[in-house]
Amino acid sequence: MPDSEFAASAVDDAGMMHQELIASLGMPLGELWRLDALAAACAQDQRWQCLVVVKPLHLEGGVGSPANATALR
């Protein structure tokens, strides 16, 4: 986005952070997750804390991976 405050520091990718976060830092991003079953289980137990674990595929320079996030409760 041209009006983003981050556009000047990320001129190679027009201000998008996916490439830096995923490929350069190895940080998985959670997008479009189906959380209905987790929310229902949390509501039933009245326990709202969990550890979310994500291990992306080991691909050099990759910017995407199959969804494999797991919530440990």
N, C-alpha and C. Protein backbone atom coordinates (compact mmCIF):
# COMPACT_ATOMS: atom_id res chain seq x y z
N MET A 1 0.85 -1.17 0.00
CA MET A 1 0.00 0.00 0.00
C MET A 1 0.89 1.24 0.00
N PRO A 2 0.71 2.11 -0.94
CA PRO A 2 1.57 3.28 -1.04
C PRO A 2 1.50 4.21 0.17
N ASP A 3 0.37 4.25 0.87
CA ASP A 3 0.23 5.16 2.00
C ASP A 3 0.64 4.52 3.34
N SER A 4 1.16 3.29 3.29
CA SER A 4 1.59 2.61 4.51
C SER A 4 2.85 3.26 5.07
N GLU A 5 2.94 3.34 6.39
CA GLU A 5 4.13 3.90 7.01
C GLU A 5 5.34 2.99 6.83
N PHE A 6 5.13 1.75 6.40
CA PHE A 6 6.23 0.81 6.20
C PHE A 6 6.70 0.75 4.75
N ALA A 7 6.03 1.44 3.84
CA ALA A 7 6.36 1.36 2.42
C ALA A 7 7.79 1.82 2.14
N ALA A 8 8.27 2.84 2.82
CA ALA A 8 9.61 3.35 2.55
C ALA A 8 10.69 2.37 2.98
N SER A 9 10.44 1.58 4.02
CA SER A 9 11.45 0.64 4.50
C SER A 9 11.37 -0.72 3.80
N ALA A 10 10.38 -0.91 2.98
CA ALA A 10 10.22 -2.18 2.26
C ALA A 10 9.93 -1.90 0.80
N VAL A 11 10.84 -1.17 0.17
CA VAL A 11 10.57 -0.73 -1.21
C VAL A 11 10.53 -1.87 -2.20
N ASP A 12 11.18 -2.99 -1.93
CA ASP A 12 11.19 -4.11 -2.87
C ASP A 12 9.88 -4.88 -2.91
N ASP A 13 9.06 -4.75 -1.90
CA ASP A 13 7.82 -5.53 -1.87
C ASP A 13 6.59 -4.67 -1.60
N ALA A 14 6.67 -3.40 -1.90
CA ALA A 14 5.53 -2.48 -1.81
C ALA A 14 4.90 -2.46 -0.42
N GLY A 15 5.69 -2.67 0.64
CA GLY A 15 5.17 -2.58 1.99
C GLY A 15 4.57 -3.86 2.54
N MET A 16 4.53 -4.93 1.75
CA MET A 16 3.98 -6.20 2.23
C MET A 16 5.01 -6.88 3.12
N MET A 17 4.58 -7.44 4.23
CA MET A 17 5.51 -8.00 5.20
C MET A 17 5.68 -9.51 5.07
N HIS A 18 4.87 -10.18 4.25
CA HIS A 18 4.92 -11.64 4.18
C HIS A 18 6.33 -12.16 3.86
N GLN A 19 6.97 -11.59 2.87
CA GLN A 19 8.28 -12.08 2.46
C GLN A 19 9.29 -11.96 3.60
N GLU A 20 9.31 -10.83 4.29
CA GLU A 20 10.26 -10.65 5.38
C GLU A 20 9.93 -11.57 6.56
N LEU A 21 8.67 -11.64 6.93
CA LEU A 21 8.29 -12.43 8.10
C LEU A 21 8.45 -13.93 7.86
N ILE A 22 7.98 -14.41 6.72
CA ILE A 22 8.00 -15.85 6.47
C ILE A 22 9.37 -16.31 5.98
N ALA A 23 9.83 -15.75 4.87
CA ALA A 23 11.06 -16.26 4.25
C ALA A 23 12.32 -15.81 4.99
N SER A 24 12.39 -14.58 5.40
CA SER A 24 13.62 -14.08 6.02
C SER A 24 13.72 -14.41 7.51
N LEU A 25 12.61 -14.30 8.23
CA LEU A 25 12.64 -14.53 9.68
C LEU A 25 12.11 -15.89 10.10
N GLY A 26 11.46 -16.61 9.17
CA GLY A 26 10.91 -17.92 9.51
C GLY A 26 9.72 -17.85 10.45
N MET A 27 9.02 -16.74 10.47
CA MET A 27 7.88 -16.55 11.37
C MET A 27 6.60 -16.97 10.65
N PRO A 28 5.90 -17.99 11.14
CA PRO A 28 4.64 -18.37 10.51
C PRO A 28 3.55 -17.34 10.77
N LEU A 29 2.68 -17.16 9.82
CA LEU A 29 1.54 -16.25 9.96
C LEU A 29 0.26 -17.08 9.99
N GLY A 30 -0.63 -16.72 10.86
CA GLY A 30 -1.91 -17.42 10.94
C GLY A 30 -2.98 -16.65 10.21
N GLU A 31 -3.43 -17.20 9.11
CA GLU A 31 -4.48 -16.56 8.32
C GLU A 31 -5.51 -17.61 7.92
N LEU A 32 -6.75 -17.24 7.97
CA LEU A 32 -7.84 -18.10 7.51
C LEU A 32 -7.90 -19.43 8.26
N TRP A 33 -7.61 -19.40 9.56
CA TRP A 33 -7.68 -20.61 10.37
C TRP A 33 -9.13 -20.90 10.73
N ARG A 34 -9.48 -22.17 10.79
CA ARG A 34 -10.82 -22.60 11.23
C ARG A 34 -10.74 -22.86 12.72
N LEU A 35 -11.26 -21.93 13.51
CA LEU A 35 -11.13 -22.00 14.97
C LEU A 35 -12.43 -22.35 15.68
N ASP A 36 -13.48 -22.73 14.93
CA ASP A 36 -14.77 -23.02 15.55
C ASP A 36 -14.69 -24.15 16.57
N ALA A 37 -14.03 -25.25 16.22
CA ALA A 37 -13.94 -26.40 17.14
C ALA A 37 -13.13 -26.03 18.39
N LEU A 38 -12.06 -25.29 18.22
CA LEU A 38 -11.26 -24.86 19.37
C LEU A 38 -12.07 -23.92 20.27
N ALA A 39 -12.79 -22.98 19.68
CA ALA A 39 -13.61 -22.05 20.46
C ALA A 39 -14.70 -22.79 21.23
N ALA A 40 -15.31 -23.79 20.60
CA ALA A 40 -16.35 -24.57 21.27
C ALA A 40 -15.77 -25.37 22.44
N ALA A 41 -14.59 -25.97 22.25
CA ALA A 41 -13.95 -26.74 23.32
C ALA A 41 -13.56 -25.82 24.47
N CYS A 42 -13.07 -24.64 24.15
CA CYS A 42 -12.70 -23.67 25.20
C CYS A 42 -13.93 -23.23 25.98
N ALA A 43 -15.02 -22.97 25.27
CA ALA A 43 -16.25 -22.54 25.93
C ALA A 43 -16.80 -23.64 26.84
N GLN A 44 -16.72 -24.87 26.38
CA GLN A 44 -17.22 -25.99 27.17
C GLN A 44 -16.43 -26.16 28.46
N ASP A 45 -15.12 -26.03 28.38
CA ASP A 45 -14.25 -26.19 29.55
C ASP A 45 -14.06 -24.90 30.35
N GLN A 46 -14.48 -23.77 29.78
CA GLN A 46 -14.22 -22.45 30.37
C GLN A 46 -12.73 -22.25 30.60
N ARG A 47 -11.93 -22.76 29.66
CA ARG A 47 -10.47 -22.61 29.70
C ARG A 47 -10.05 -22.03 28.36
N TRP A 48 -9.46 -20.85 28.38
CA TRP A 48 -9.22 -20.10 27.16
C TRP A 48 -7.75 -19.97 26.80
N GLN A 49 -6.88 -20.68 27.47
CA GLN A 49 -5.45 -20.60 27.16
C GLN A 49 -5.01 -21.85 26.42
N CYS A 50 -4.11 -21.66 25.46
CA CYS A 50 -3.54 -22.78 24.74
C CYS A 50 -2.20 -22.35 24.16
N LEU A 51 -1.42 -23.32 23.75
CA LEU A 51 -0.15 -23.07 23.07
C LEU A 51 -0.36 -23.44 21.61
N VAL A 52 -0.14 -22.49 20.72
CA VAL A 52 -0.27 -22.75 19.29
C VAL A 52 1.11 -23.03 18.73
N VAL A 53 1.25 -24.18 18.08
CA VAL A 53 2.51 -24.62 17.52
C VAL A 53 2.35 -24.74 16.01
N VAL A 54 3.31 -24.16 15.27
CA VAL A 54 3.28 -24.22 13.81
C VAL A 54 4.67 -24.56 13.31
N LYS A 55 4.78 -25.59 12.50
CA LYS A 55 6.07 -25.92 11.89
C LYS A 55 5.88 -25.93 10.37
N PRO A 56 6.35 -24.88 9.72
CA PRO A 56 6.21 -24.84 8.26
C PRO A 56 7.20 -25.79 7.58
N LEU A 57 6.97 -26.05 6.32
CA LEU A 57 7.90 -26.85 5.54
C LEU A 57 9.26 -26.17 5.49
N HIS A 58 10.31 -26.95 5.44
CA HIS A 58 11.67 -26.39 5.36
C HIS A 58 12.01 -26.16 3.89
N LEU A 59 11.66 -25.00 3.37
CA LEU A 59 11.93 -24.63 1.98
C LEU A 59 12.67 -23.30 1.98
N GLU A 60 13.87 -23.28 1.48
CA GLU A 60 14.64 -22.05 1.45
C GLU A 60 13.94 -21.01 0.58
N GLY A 61 13.67 -19.84 1.15
CA GLY A 61 13.01 -18.76 0.44
C GLY A 61 11.52 -18.95 0.26
N GLY A 62 10.95 -19.98 0.87
CA GLY A 62 9.52 -20.24 0.73
C GLY A 62 8.67 -19.16 1.38
N VAL A 63 7.53 -18.87 0.80
CA VAL A 63 6.62 -17.88 1.38
C VAL A 63 5.24 -18.48 1.63
N GLY A 64 5.15 -19.78 1.65
CA GLY A 64 3.88 -20.43 1.93
C GLY A 64 4.12 -21.88 2.34
N SER A 65 3.18 -22.46 3.05
CA SER A 65 3.30 -23.83 3.52
C SER A 65 1.90 -24.34 3.81
N PRO A 66 1.69 -25.65 3.72
CA PRO A 66 0.37 -26.20 4.08
C PRO A 66 0.04 -25.87 5.54
N ALA A 67 -1.20 -25.69 5.81
CA ALA A 67 -1.63 -25.39 7.19
C ALA A 67 -1.37 -26.61 8.07
N ASN A 68 -0.72 -26.40 9.21
CA ASN A 68 -0.47 -27.50 10.14
C ASN A 68 -0.41 -27.00 11.57
N ALA A 69 -1.08 -25.92 11.87
CA ALA A 69 -1.07 -25.37 13.22
C ALA A 69 -1.81 -26.32 14.17
N THR A 70 -1.28 -26.45 15.38
CA THR A 70 -1.88 -27.30 16.40
C THR A 70 -1.99 -26.50 17.69
N ALA A 71 -3.16 -26.53 18.31
CA ALA A 71 -3.36 -25.88 19.59
C ALA A 71 -3.30 -26.93 20.69
N LEU A 72 -2.36 -26.78 21.60
CA LEU A 72 -2.23 -27.69 22.73
C LEU A 72 -2.93 -27.07 23.94
N ARG A 73 -3.92 -27.80 24.45
CA ARG A 73 -4.67 -27.30 25.60
C ARG A 73 -4.45 -28.19 26.80
